[in-house]
Protein backbone atom coordinates (compact mmCIF):
# COMPACT_ATOMS: atom_id res chain seq x y z
CA MET A 1 -4.38 7.41 -11.08
CA SER A 2 -7.61 5.67 -10.12
CA SER A 3 -9.71 4.24 -12.92
CA ALA A 4 -13.26 2.94 -12.78
CA LEU A 5 -12.44 0.86 -15.85
CA PHE A 6 -9.14 -0.73 -14.78
CA ASP A 7 -9.04 -0.68 -10.96
CA PRO A 8 -11.39 -3.70 -10.64
CA VAL A 9 -9.44 -5.62 -13.28
CA PHE A 10 -6.18 -5.17 -11.40
CA GLY A 11 -7.69 -5.56 -7.93
CA ALA A 12 -7.15 -1.94 -6.90
CA ASP A 13 -10.77 -0.91 -6.35
CA ARG A 14 -10.79 -1.32 -2.56
CA VAL A 15 -7.52 0.57 -2.13
CA ALA A 16 -8.50 3.21 -4.69
CA ALA A 17 -11.66 4.02 -2.73
CA ARG A 18 -9.42 5.27 0.09
CA LEU A 19 -7.18 7.30 -2.20
CA ASP A 20 -9.63 9.17 -4.40
CA ASP A 21 -9.99 12.95 -4.60
CA ALA A 22 -12.70 13.01 -1.94
CA SER A 23 -10.42 11.09 0.42
CA TRP A 24 -7.61 13.56 -0.19
CA VAL A 25 -9.92 16.48 0.63
CA ALA A 26 -11.19 14.70 3.75
CA ALA A 27 -7.64 14.08 4.93
CA LEU A 28 -6.57 17.68 4.32
CA VAL A 29 -9.58 18.98 6.24
CA ALA A 30 -8.98 16.50 9.08
CA VAL A 31 -5.41 17.75 9.47
CA GLU A 32 -6.45 21.41 9.55
CA VAL A 33 -9.12 20.70 12.17
CA ALA A 34 -6.71 18.65 14.27
CA LEU A 35 -4.05 21.37 14.00
CA SER A 36 -6.39 24.07 15.30
CA ARG A 37 -7.38 21.82 18.20
CA ALA A 38 -3.75 21.03 19.00
CA ALA A 39 -2.88 24.73 18.95
CA ALA A 40 -5.85 25.50 21.21
CA GLU A 41 -4.71 22.84 23.66
CA HIS A 42 -1.56 24.90 24.28
CA GLY A 43 -3.18 28.32 24.24
CA VAL A 44 -1.91 29.32 20.82
CA VAL A 45 -5.46 29.94 19.55
CA PRO A 46 -8.78 30.26 21.43
CA ALA A 47 -10.48 26.96 22.17
CA LYS A 48 -13.81 28.35 20.95
CA ASP A 49 -12.21 29.05 17.57
CA ALA A 50 -10.99 25.48 17.26
CA GLU A 51 -14.44 24.11 17.99
CA ARG A 52 -16.03 26.52 15.52
CA ILE A 53 -13.58 25.43 12.85
CA ALA A 54 -14.40 21.77 13.53
CA THR A 55 -18.12 22.46 13.24
CA VAL A 56 -17.76 24.43 10.02
CA ALA A 57 -15.43 21.86 8.48
CA ALA A 58 -17.92 19.06 9.14
CA ASP A 59 -20.58 20.89 7.11
CA LEU A 60 -18.34 22.34 4.39
CA LYS A 61 -19.00 21.01 0.90
CA ILE A 62 -15.83 21.06 -1.18
CA ASP A 63 -15.75 20.08 -4.83
CA PRO A 64 -12.34 18.49 -5.51
CA ALA A 65 -12.44 19.76 -9.09
CA ASP A 66 -12.99 23.34 -7.92
CA LEU A 67 -10.25 22.97 -5.33
CA GLY A 68 -7.89 21.60 -7.96
CA ARG A 69 -8.48 24.52 -10.28
CA ALA A 70 -7.97 26.96 -7.43
CA ALA A 71 -4.71 25.17 -6.51
CA VAL A 72 -2.99 25.95 -9.81
CA GLU A 73 -1.67 29.35 -8.81
CA GLY A 74 -0.01 28.22 -5.58
CA GLY A 75 0.90 24.73 -6.73
CA ASN A 76 -0.97 22.79 -4.03
CA PRO A 77 -4.56 22.49 -2.78
CA VAL A 78 -3.83 23.57 0.80
CA ILE A 79 -3.69 27.27 -0.07
CA PRO A 80 -7.26 27.51 -1.46
CA LEU A 81 -8.51 25.11 1.21
CA VAL A 82 -7.26 27.40 3.95
CA ARG A 83 -9.02 30.33 2.28
CA LEU A 84 -12.28 28.35 2.20
CA LEU A 85 -12.02 27.34 5.85
CA ARG A 86 -11.16 30.83 7.01
CA SER A 87 -14.05 32.33 5.08
CA ALA A 88 -16.54 29.75 6.37
CA ALA A 89 -15.37 30.09 9.98
CA GLY A 90 -15.83 33.86 10.14
CA GLU A 91 -14.03 35.38 13.12
CA ALA A 92 -12.68 31.93 14.07
CA GLY A 93 -10.95 31.81 10.72
CA ARG A 94 -7.99 33.57 12.33
CA SER A 95 -7.23 30.22 14.00
CA VAL A 96 -7.16 28.13 10.83
CA HIS A 97 -3.70 26.80 9.83
CA PRO A 98 -1.82 28.14 12.90
CA GLY A 99 1.95 28.03 12.53
CA ALA A 100 1.87 25.63 9.58
CA THR A 101 3.07 25.64 6.01
CA SER A 102 1.31 23.94 3.11
CA GLN A 103 3.74 21.03 3.15
CA ASP A 104 2.86 20.26 6.76
CA ILE A 105 -0.76 19.74 5.78
CA MET A 106 -0.04 17.89 2.52
CA ASP A 107 2.49 15.51 4.06
CA THR A 108 0.35 14.74 7.10
CA ALA A 109 -2.71 14.19 4.90
CA ALA A 110 -0.64 11.86 2.72
CA VAL A 111 0.39 9.90 5.81
CA LEU A 112 -3.27 9.58 6.81
CA LEU A 113 -4.17 8.32 3.34
CA VAL A 114 -1.31 5.83 3.37
CA GLY A 115 -2.63 4.50 6.67
CA TRP A 116 -6.19 4.23 5.39
CA ALA A 117 -5.16 2.46 2.19
CA GLY A 118 -2.44 0.47 3.92
CA GLU A 119 -5.02 -1.30 6.07
CA ILE A 120 -6.50 -2.80 2.90
CA VAL A 121 -3.10 -3.81 1.51
CA LEU A 122 -2.13 -5.51 4.77
CA ASP A 123 -5.47 -7.31 4.93
CA ASP A 124 -5.08 -8.73 1.43
CA LEU A 125 -1.46 -9.68 2.04
CA ARG A 126 -2.59 -11.55 5.15
CA GLY A 127 -5.41 -13.23 3.22
CA ALA A 128 -3.06 -14.34 0.45
CA ALA A 129 -0.51 -15.62 2.97
CA ASP A 130 -3.20 -17.52 4.89
CA ALA A 131 -4.39 -19.13 1.65
CA ALA A 132 -0.83 -20.13 0.81
CA ALA A 133 -0.38 -21.55 4.32
CA ALA A 134 -3.54 -23.63 3.96
CA LEU A 135 -2.26 -25.03 0.65
CA ALA A 136 1.11 -25.80 2.23
CA ASP A 137 -0.51 -27.61 5.12
CA ALA A 138 -2.90 -29.60 2.94
CA HIS A 139 -0.16 -30.63 0.49
CA ARG A 140 2.93 -30.89 2.68
CA THR A 141 3.60 -34.39 1.28
CA THR A 142 2.01 -34.07 -2.18
CA PRO A 143 4.88 -34.97 -4.53
CA MET A 144 5.72 -32.91 -7.59
CA ILE A 145 8.77 -32.18 -9.67
CA ALA A 146 10.85 -29.14 -8.83
CA ARG A 147 11.95 -27.05 -11.78
CA THR A 148 15.18 -25.09 -12.07
CA LEU A 149 16.09 -22.88 -15.02
CA GLY A 150 12.86 -23.96 -16.65
CA GLN A 151 13.78 -27.66 -16.61
CA GLN A 152 12.65 -30.56 -14.46
CA ALA A 153 15.04 -31.07 -11.54
CA LEU A 154 14.38 -33.22 -8.45
CA PRO A 155 11.23 -34.15 -6.53
CA THR A 156 9.75 -31.72 -4.03
CA THR A 157 6.26 -31.29 -2.59
CA PHE A 158 3.61 -28.79 -3.51
CA GLY A 159 3.41 -28.01 0.20
CA LEU A 160 6.96 -26.68 0.16
CA VAL A 161 6.26 -24.59 -2.93
CA ALA A 162 3.20 -23.03 -1.28
CA GLY A 163 5.12 -22.67 2.00
CA GLY A 164 7.68 -20.56 0.20
CA TRP A 165 4.91 -18.34 -1.15
CA CYS A 166 3.56 -17.93 2.37
CA ALA A 167 6.95 -17.07 3.85
CA GLY A 168 7.56 -14.33 1.31
CA LEU A 169 4.13 -12.83 1.77
CA ASP A 170 4.42 -12.90 5.56
CA ARG A 171 7.83 -11.27 5.47
CA ALA A 172 6.65 -8.55 3.11
CA ARG A 173 3.53 -7.87 5.17
CA THR A 174 5.52 -7.62 8.40
CA GLY A 175 7.96 -5.19 6.81
CA LEU A 176 5.20 -3.02 5.37
CA ALA A 177 3.29 -3.01 8.66
CA ARG A 178 6.42 -1.83 10.48
CA VAL A 179 6.89 1.08 8.07
CA LEU A 180 3.22 2.05 8.20
CA ALA A 181 3.23 2.05 11.99
CA GLY A 182 6.17 4.44 12.07
CA LEU A 183 4.94 7.13 9.69
CA PRO A 184 4.77 10.40 11.66
CA VAL A 185 2.96 13.68 11.60
CA GLN A 186 4.60 16.59 9.78
CA LEU A 187 4.77 20.03 11.42
CA GLY A 188 7.66 22.39 10.91
CA GLY A 189 6.27 25.69 9.74
CA ALA A 190 7.61 27.88 6.96
CA ALA A 191 11.27 26.88 7.24
CA GLY A 192 11.08 23.82 9.46
CA THR A 193 11.86 25.68 12.70
CA LEU A 194 8.34 25.93 14.19
CA ALA A 195 9.13 29.64 14.60
CA ALA A 196 5.50 30.78 14.37
CA LEU A 197 4.55 28.48 17.25
CA HIS A 198 7.49 29.26 19.54
CA PRO A 199 7.73 28.36 22.41
CA HIS A 200 4.93 25.83 22.02
CA GLY A 201 5.92 24.29 18.68
CA PRO A 202 7.06 20.81 19.77
CA ALA A 203 4.11 20.50 22.17
CA VAL A 204 1.63 21.43 19.43
CA ALA A 205 3.25 18.91 17.09
CA ALA A 206 2.97 16.19 19.73
CA SER A 207 -0.69 17.01 20.30
CA LEU A 208 -1.35 17.01 16.56
CA ALA A 209 0.22 13.57 16.29
CA ALA A 210 -1.87 12.28 19.18
CA GLY A 211 -5.05 13.76 17.72
CA LEU A 212 -4.48 12.04 14.40
CA ARG A 213 -3.09 8.84 15.96
CA LEU A 214 0.23 9.26 14.20
CA SER A 215 3.80 9.06 15.45
CA ASP A 216 5.52 12.25 16.55
CA ALA A 217 8.88 13.25 15.08
CA PRO A 218 10.84 16.41 14.22
CA GLN A 219 9.86 17.84 10.85
CA TRP A 220 11.04 15.91 7.80
CA HIS A 221 10.27 18.44 5.04
CA THR A 222 13.29 17.58 2.94
CA GLU A 223 14.50 14.44 4.72
CA ARG A 224 12.53 11.86 2.75
CA THR A 225 13.95 8.54 3.89
CA ARG A 226 10.54 7.62 5.33
CA ILE A 227 8.98 7.94 1.89
CA GLY A 228 11.84 5.86 0.49
CA GLU A 229 11.31 3.17 3.11
CA LEU A 230 7.60 3.14 2.33
CA ALA A 231 8.30 2.87 -1.41
CA GLY A 232 10.68 0.00 -0.80
CA ALA A 233 8.28 -1.86 1.48
CA LEU A 234 5.44 -1.53 -1.02
CA ALA A 235 7.65 -2.66 -3.90
CA VAL A 236 8.90 -5.65 -1.89
CA ALA A 237 5.30 -6.58 -1.10
CA ALA A 238 4.42 -6.38 -4.78
CA GLY A 239 7.36 -8.66 -5.54
CA ALA A 240 6.21 -11.11 -2.89
CA CYS A 241 2.85 -11.23 -4.69
CA ALA A 242 4.42 -11.57 -8.13
CA LYS A 243 6.34 -14.75 -7.23
CA PRO A 244 3.33 -17.02 -6.46
CA ALA A 245 1.30 -15.36 -9.21
CA THR A 246 4.02 -16.27 -11.71
CA ASP A 247 4.17 -19.85 -10.42
CA VAL A 248 0.40 -20.22 -10.69
CA VAL A 249 0.42 -18.95 -14.28
CA LEU A 250 3.13 -21.48 -15.20
CA LEU A 251 1.70 -24.41 -13.26
CA ALA A 252 -1.75 -23.80 -14.79
CA GLY A 253 -0.38 -24.06 -18.33
CA THR A 254 -1.99 -26.70 -20.52
CA GLU A 255 1.18 -28.79 -20.71
CA LEU A 256 1.55 -28.89 -16.90
CA GLY A 257 -2.02 -28.58 -15.62
CA GLU A 258 -0.93 -28.95 -11.99
CA VAL A 259 -3.16 -26.20 -10.61
CA SER A 260 -6.21 -24.24 -11.78
CA GLU A 261 -8.10 -21.25 -10.50
CA ALA A 262 -11.64 -21.53 -9.22
CA ALA A 263 -12.96 -18.94 -11.68
CA PRO A 264 -10.71 -19.03 -14.73
CA GLY A 265 -11.19 -16.49 -17.45
CA ASP A 266 -12.45 -17.25 -20.93
CA SER A 267 -10.98 -16.12 -24.20
CA SER A 268 -12.89 -13.90 -26.61
CA SER A 269 -11.79 -16.04 -29.55
CA MET A 270 -10.82 -19.46 -28.14
CA PRO A 271 -13.63 -21.00 -26.08
CA HIS A 272 -11.50 -23.93 -24.92
CA LYS A 273 -9.19 -21.70 -22.86
CA ARG A 274 -9.32 -21.37 -19.08
CA ASN A 275 -6.94 -18.56 -18.25
CA PRO A 276 -5.63 -18.03 -14.66
CA ILE A 277 -6.81 -14.43 -14.79
CA ALA A 278 -6.49 -13.59 -11.09
CA ALA A 279 -2.81 -14.59 -11.10
CA ILE A 280 -2.24 -12.88 -14.45
CA THR A 281 -3.67 -9.56 -13.27
CA ALA A 282 -1.77 -9.87 -9.97
CA ARG A 283 1.41 -10.08 -12.04
CA GLY A 284 0.30 -7.13 -14.13
CA ALA A 285 -0.31 -4.97 -11.08
CA ALA A 286 2.92 -6.03 -9.39
CA ARG A 287 5.04 -5.18 -12.42
CA ARG A 288 4.14 -1.51 -12.12
CA ALA A 289 5.44 -1.26 -8.56
CA PRO A 290 9.24 -1.14 -9.10
CA GLY A 291 9.01 1.76 -11.55
CA LEU A 292 6.73 3.72 -9.25
CA ALA A 293 9.02 3.05 -6.29
CA ALA A 294 11.93 4.27 -8.40
CA VAL A 295 10.17 7.59 -8.98
CA LEU A 296 9.78 8.10 -5.22
CA LEU A 297 13.41 7.15 -4.57
CA ALA A 298 14.61 9.45 -7.33
CA ALA A 299 12.64 12.29 -5.74
CA ALA A 300 14.53 12.04 -2.45
CA ASP A 301 16.89 14.90 -3.28
CA HIS A 302 14.73 17.70 -1.89
CA GLU A 303 16.50 21.04 -2.12
CA HIS A 304 17.38 23.01 1.01
CA GLN A 305 14.29 23.42 3.26
CA ARG A 306 11.55 23.05 0.61
CA ALA A 307 11.74 21.05 -2.59
CA ALA A 308 10.89 22.60 -5.93
CA GLY A 309 9.27 19.75 -7.82
CA ALA A 310 10.63 16.64 -6.09
CA TRP A 311 8.01 16.91 -3.35
CA HIS A 312 5.24 17.47 -5.88
CA ALA A 313 6.28 14.32 -7.77
CA GLU A 314 5.43 12.21 -4.73
CA TRP A 315 1.72 12.91 -4.41
CA GLU A 316 0.22 10.94 -7.29
CA THR A 317 3.07 8.44 -7.47
CA LEU A 318 2.52 7.34 -3.90
CA GLY A 319 -1.16 6.69 -4.57
CA ASP A 320 -0.36 4.80 -7.75
CA LEU A 321 2.13 2.59 -5.90
CA LEU A 322 -0.42 1.80 -3.19
CA ARG A 323 -2.93 0.86 -5.88
CA ALA A 324 -0.43 -1.33 -7.72
CA THR A 325 0.69 -3.23 -4.62
CA GLY A 326 -2.81 -3.40 -3.17
CA GLY A 327 -4.16 -4.66 -6.45
CA ALA A 328 -1.49 -7.36 -6.70
CA ALA A 329 -2.27 -8.55 -3.18
CA ALA A 330 -6.02 -8.57 -3.79
CA ARG A 331 -5.84 -10.50 -7.05
CA LEU A 332 -3.33 -12.98 -5.65
CA ARG A 333 -5.59 -13.57 -2.66
CA THR A 334 -8.44 -14.39 -5.03
CA SER A 335 -6.19 -16.75 -6.99
CA LEU A 336 -4.85 -18.65 -3.98
CA GLU A 337 -8.09 -18.83 -2.01
CA GLY A 338 -9.75 -20.63 -4.92
CA LEU A 339 -6.74 -22.57 -6.20
CA ALA A 340 -7.40 -26.20 -7.13
CA VAL A 341 -4.42 -28.55 -6.93
CA HIS A 342 -4.19 -31.58 -9.24
CA PRO A 343 -1.94 -34.26 -7.67
CA ASP A 344 -2.58 -36.63 -10.59
CA ARG A 345 -1.02 -34.18 -13.02
CA MET A 346 1.85 -33.60 -10.63
CA ALA A 347 2.47 -37.34 -10.45
CA ALA A 348 2.33 -37.70 -14.23
CA ASN A 349 4.82 -34.86 -14.73
CA LEU A 350 7.06 -36.23 -12.00
CA ALA A 351 7.24 -39.53 -13.85
CA LEU A 352 8.67 -37.82 -16.92
CA THR A 353 12.07 -37.55 -15.27
CA THR A 354 13.55 -40.97 -14.46
CA GLY A 355 16.79 -42.01 -12.88
CA THR A 356 16.67 -39.41 -10.09
CA ASP A 357 16.33 -39.84 -6.35
CA PRO A 358 12.56 -40.25 -5.82
CA SER A 359 12.70 -38.76 -2.33
CA PRO A 360 11.60 -35.15 -1.77
CA GLY A 361 14.19 -34.94 1.03
CA HIS A 362 13.18 -32.80 3.99
CA ALA A 363 10.39 -31.04 2.11
CA ALA A 364 7.63 -31.96 4.58
CA ASP A 365 9.80 -31.01 7.56
CA LEU A 366 10.58 -27.66 5.97
CA VAL A 367 6.89 -27.01 5.45
CA ASP A 368 6.28 -27.61 9.14
CA ARG A 369 9.06 -25.19 10.05
CA LEU A 370 7.82 -22.48 7.71
CA LEU A 371 4.29 -22.72 9.08
CA ALA A 372 5.46 -22.81 12.70
CA GLU A 373 7.45 -19.60 12.21
CA ARG A 374 4.57 -17.56 10.80
CA PRO A 375 4.10 -14.18 12.50
């Protein structure tokens, strides 16, 4: 859940602002308005009703806390929201929620929220990858010791280390962007057959998708592979952030001192410390992602044509996963954009291991290839 105390610490404040209760209510209302308009487009409801509903919805003041309390009986906030819209719209209220079930509205609103928050996650992933690319380019030939299994190994370059960070971030961002672009509208009606909208059901669904700028697809009420793919893509992106964050934490250690953050954090009890806090909190955020993704994957076994509990488990978990991954990307971006590299310390540490081939091999060439292949 969002937290005014911890979201800034873990970099989730920008993402959280697009996932809060007010955003959920706005998304739910947007879907109901778009549904009435889509139905009116195909003569299912009067066009004047759809416009009246849109006007009323724009002025309707909804307290998320009140809506949440009213949602207890039915188990989701769509039911009391529909009552509010119908009451406010008067005679046009007959055209609120045409042919839909609560899950249609909840799932489509969730997709909208994922898109809104996903823009921030993708932006920070791009910013972190760009920062890593700049480091790789600037230090393509800067020699340092490679480390395997925690021990000094053979020479490499810091450019190749940073190039690897960039490649992982780019790959994760591309994969997440592909999943986000494919998330569709949800409209199936009470049992997934669009019976209440027959014979116009598929046409209304297509218009709803167009109105909300989402993909169109047959209903996916209990076929949750899209949510699983999204969970996987977000968890992979978090992992791509965790790798460079971990390296920065290790390389910034006192005994190595090969990098340092631009704004290191102090200690409350040891004034000499300069902690790589942005990388540390990026790791902290990223470590939450696999467990949250596991919850969404475990909830894929939706029963029959409407899940009893598995669907409900997705709502908050999905938001938490977006905050965790978005926070990791944001904090890593801060770390890498201000990262100072210390070639003198790299050279001193490199000299500790003697008797090895002093050449970094094809490190510089590999940097060039990694950067040339960026999407």
